């Protein structure tokens, strides 16, 4: 056998032995011999909300608790109030904080507005879409499509409290709800009496 053939034979023999040896290794062992690949880990970073300032909460609380609906000059039906820049900035600060307490004060404002509507005009009225305070109210009650909605009436405040009964623990909200229920019962009673009178006249 020529030297070149011997060399070729030895190379082939080495390859066969190596292949057999590899085939006897377990899949796990084969994986262990492979170079480790870098892994991509998904990270979910939580944005830390700023700590709510007790002073800010107190400012909104005072604004809401002293608010009483009244018509603007030259109008009859009161619309949502327009807070000062200072109050709006405070609300913006609280909106981006870890506090939810201030939200009940915003709800109180709109609940009082609806109570005024139903006590004095026996119905609810449109809240509008441009007032920053109104937009914050819509955000709190989770009304995302308010810009496209046909009507955004003041009774939404009552609906929200009825759906979130824990708000009744706030005595001023409970007081407003009682006045609303009383006004509603009065309206129903008057409507019933009017219907009765119409029936009598019809006879």
Protein backbone atom coordinates (compact mmCIF):
# COMPACT_ATOMS: atom_id res chain seq x y z
CA UNK A 1 0.00 0.00 0.00
CA UNK A 2 1.44 3.34 -0.99
CA UNK A 3 2.14 5.99 1.71
CA UNK A 4 -0.59 8.28 0.31
CA UNK A 5 -3.17 5.51 0.54
CA UNK A 6 -2.04 4.69 4.10
CA UNK A 7 -2.46 8.34 5.10
CA UNK A 8 -5.91 8.49 3.52
CA UNK A 9 -6.91 5.25 5.29
CA UNK A 10 -5.79 6.61 8.66
CA UNK A 11 -7.72 9.84 8.13
CA UNK A 12 -10.90 7.93 7.28
CA UNK A 13 -10.45 5.65 10.28
CA UNK A 14 -10.03 8.63 12.57
CA UNK A 15 -13.20 10.23 11.20
CA UNK A 16 -15.26 7.04 11.70
CA UNK A 17 -14.06 6.60 15.29
CA UNK A 18 -14.83 10.21 16.03
CA UNK A 19 -18.33 9.93 14.54
CA UNK A 20 -19.14 6.82 16.57
CA UNK A 21 -17.94 8.52 19.72
CA UNK A 22 -20.17 11.53 19.10
CA UNK A 23 -23.21 9.38 18.35
CA UNK A 24 -22.86 7.70 21.76
CA UNK A 25 -23.12 10.98 23.57
CA UNK A 26 -26.56 11.95 24.91
CA UNK A 27 -28.38 15.00 23.50
CA UNK A 28 -27.80 16.70 26.81
CA UNK A 29 -24.07 16.12 26.64
CA UNK A 30 -24.01 17.42 23.11
CA UNK A 31 -25.86 20.55 24.16
CA UNK A 32 -23.46 21.05 27.03
CA UNK A 33 -20.57 21.03 24.65
CA UNK A 34 -22.14 23.77 22.54
CA UNK A 35 -21.07 27.33 23.25
CA UNK A 36 -23.67 29.19 25.30
CA UNK A 37 -25.67 31.78 23.41
CA UNK A 38 -26.61 35.09 24.95
CA UNK A 39 -30.22 35.23 26.19
CA UNK A 40 -32.60 38.20 25.91
CA UNK A 41 -34.55 38.76 29.08
CA UNK A 42 -37.73 40.80 29.00
CA UNK A 43 -37.74 43.45 31.63
CA UNK A 44 -40.86 45.24 32.84
CA UNK A 45 -39.81 48.43 34.45
CA UNK A 46 -42.43 49.92 36.72
CA UNK A 47 -42.62 53.67 36.67
CA UNK A 48 -42.66 54.92 40.21
CA UNK A 49 -45.41 57.43 40.82
CA UNK A 50 -44.59 60.56 42.73
CA UNK A 51 -45.72 60.78 46.32
CA UNK A 52 -48.88 62.83 46.62
CA UNK A 53 -48.49 66.04 48.55
CA UNK A 54 -50.90 66.41 51.49
CA UNK A 55 -50.93 70.15 50.74
CA UNK A 56 -52.08 69.47 47.14
CA UNK A 57 -54.83 67.14 48.34
CA UNK A 58 -55.98 69.74 50.85
CA UNK A 59 -56.17 72.41 48.12
CA UNK A 60 -58.44 70.24 45.95
CA UNK A 61 -60.49 69.21 48.99
CA UNK A 62 -61.08 72.83 49.97
CA UNK A 63 -61.96 73.80 46.40
CA UNK A 64 -64.52 70.99 46.08
CA UNK A 65 -66.10 71.38 49.49
CA UNK A 66 -66.60 75.13 49.09
CA UNK A 67 -67.92 74.84 45.52
CA UNK A 68 -71.56 75.66 45.00
CA UNK A 69 -72.96 75.75 41.45
CA UNK A 70 -74.09 79.11 40.14
CA UNK A 71 -74.80 80.43 36.65
CA UNK A 72 -72.14 82.48 34.93
CA UNK A 73 -72.99 86.08 34.12
CA UNK A 74 -75.61 86.26 31.41
CA UNK A 75 -76.61 82.60 31.76
CA UNK A 76 -79.25 80.68 33.67
CA UNK A 77 -77.91 77.13 33.83
CA UNK A 78 -74.56 76.65 35.59
CA UNK A 79 -71.76 74.83 33.79
CA UNK A 80 -68.74 73.05 35.30
CA UNK A 81 -66.51 75.51 37.17
CA UNK A 82 -63.23 76.74 35.74
CA UNK A 83 -60.53 76.47 38.43
CA UNK A 84 -57.57 78.81 38.66
CA UNK A 85 -54.25 77.83 37.10
CA UNK A 86 -52.96 76.96 40.57
CA UNK A 87 -55.78 74.48 41.23
CA UNK A 88 -55.41 72.94 37.76
CA UNK A 89 -51.67 72.48 38.33
CA UNK A 90 -52.36 70.81 41.67
CA UNK A 91 -54.86 68.45 40.01
CA UNK A 92 -52.27 67.64 37.34
CA UNK A 93 -49.72 66.85 40.06
CA UNK A 94 -52.15 64.54 41.85
CA UNK A 95 -53.19 62.86 38.62
CA UNK A 96 -49.59 61.68 38.20
CA UNK A 97 -49.14 60.70 41.84
CA UNK A 98 -49.82 57.58 43.89
CA UNK A 99 -53.00 59.09 45.34
CA UNK A 100 -56.58 58.26 44.45
CA UNK A 101 -58.06 60.19 47.34
CA UNK A 102 -58.33 63.46 45.40
CA UNK A 103 -60.63 61.81 42.84
CA UNK A 104 -63.58 61.80 45.23
CA UNK A 105 -63.32 65.59 45.46
CA UNK A 106 -63.56 65.90 41.67
CA UNK A 107 -66.61 63.63 41.72
CA UNK A 108 -68.15 65.77 44.48
CA UNK A 109 -67.91 68.87 42.27
CA UNK A 110 -69.83 67.26 39.42
CA UNK A 111 -72.30 65.58 41.75
CA UNK A 112 -73.14 69.00 43.20
CA UNK A 113 -73.58 70.39 39.71
CA UNK A 114 -76.02 67.61 38.81
CA UNK A 115 -77.90 68.09 42.08
CA UNK A 116 -78.33 71.77 41.22
CA UNK A 117 -79.59 70.86 37.76
CA UNK A 118 -82.18 68.39 38.97
CA UNK A 119 -83.34 70.50 41.92
CA UNK A 120 -83.80 73.67 39.89
CA UNK A 121 -84.48 72.49 36.35
CA UNK A 122 -85.69 68.92 36.91
CA UNK A 123 -83.21 67.49 34.42
CA UNK A 124 -79.56 66.92 33.58
CA UNK A 125 -77.49 69.10 31.26
CA UNK A 126 -74.51 68.70 28.96
CA UNK A 127 -71.12 69.08 30.67
CA UNK A 128 -69.13 70.21 27.64
CA UNK A 129 -65.79 68.86 26.41
CA UNK A 130 -63.20 71.65 26.65
CA UNK A 131 -62.99 72.49 30.34
CA UNK A 132 -59.79 70.89 31.82
CA UNK A 133 -61.66 70.01 35.03
CA UNK A 134 -64.41 68.31 33.02
CA UNK A 135 -61.81 66.33 31.08
CA UNK A 136 -60.30 65.15 34.37
CA UNK A 137 -63.76 64.07 35.54
CA UNK A 138 -64.24 62.08 32.34
CA UNK A 139 -60.85 60.43 32.89
CA UNK A 140 -61.78 59.45 36.45
CA UNK A 141 -65.08 57.87 35.39
CA UNK A 142 -63.22 56.12 32.55
CA UNK A 143 -65.12 57.76 29.72
CA UNK A 144 -62.49 57.51 26.99
CA UNK A 145 -64.74 58.35 24.08
CA UNK A 146 -66.20 61.54 25.52
CA UNK A 147 -65.03 63.60 22.54
CA UNK A 148 -67.09 61.47 20.15
CA UNK A 149 -70.07 60.87 22.43
CA UNK A 150 -73.32 62.53 21.44
CA UNK A 151 -74.10 63.61 24.99
CA UNK A 152 -72.10 63.80 28.23
CA UNK A 153 -74.75 64.78 30.82
CA UNK A 154 -74.24 65.80 34.43
CA UNK A 155 -76.08 62.70 35.72
CA UNK A 156 -72.91 60.72 34.93
CA UNK A 157 -71.70 61.78 38.37
CA UNK A 158 -74.65 60.06 40.04
CA UNK A 159 -74.15 56.95 37.90
CA UNK A 160 -70.49 56.76 38.89
CA UNK A 161 -71.27 56.95 42.60
CA UNK A 162 -73.93 54.26 42.25
CA UNK A 163 -71.34 52.02 40.57
CA UNK A 164 -68.69 52.85 43.18
CA UNK A 165 -70.59 52.72 46.46
CA UNK A 166 -67.44 53.12 48.55
CA UNK A 167 -67.66 56.82 47.68
CA UNK A 168 -70.72 57.04 49.95
CA UNK A 169 -68.33 56.79 52.89
CA UNK A 170 -67.47 60.40 52.13
CA UNK A 171 -70.24 62.22 53.99
CA UNK A 172 -70.54 65.11 51.55
CA UNK A 173 -71.07 62.75 48.63
CA UNK A 174 -73.65 60.83 50.65
CA UNK A 175 -75.42 64.10 51.43
CA UNK A 176 -75.55 65.08 47.75
CA UNK A 177 -76.90 61.67 46.77
CA UNK A 178 -79.71 61.99 49.32
CA UNK A 179 -80.67 65.41 47.92
CA UNK A 180 -80.62 64.01 44.39
CA UNK A 181 -82.87 61.10 45.37
CA UNK A 182 -85.25 63.49 47.11
CA UNK A 183 -85.41 65.76 44.05
CA UNK A 184 -85.95 62.75 41.80
CA UNK A 185 -88.84 61.51 43.96
CA UNK A 186 -90.40 64.97 43.89
CA UNK A 187 -90.22 65.06 40.09
CA UNK A 188 -91.83 61.63 39.83
CA UNK A 189 -94.58 62.66 42.23
CA UNK A 190 -95.32 65.84 40.28
CA UNK A 191 -95.35 63.91 37.01
CA UNK A 192 -97.77 61.41 38.48
CA UNK A 193 -100.10 64.18 39.69
CA UNK A 194 -99.92 65.93 36.32
CA UNK A 195 -100.83 62.70 34.56
CA UNK A 196 -103.76 62.17 36.93
CA UNK A 197 -105.06 65.68 36.28
CA UNK A 198 -104.74 65.20 32.53
CA UNK A 199 -106.70 61.97 32.76
CA UNK A 200 -109.45 63.74 34.70
CA UNK A 201 -109.61 66.54 32.16
CA UNK A 202 -109.73 63.99 29.37
CA UNK A 203 -112.83 62.47 30.90
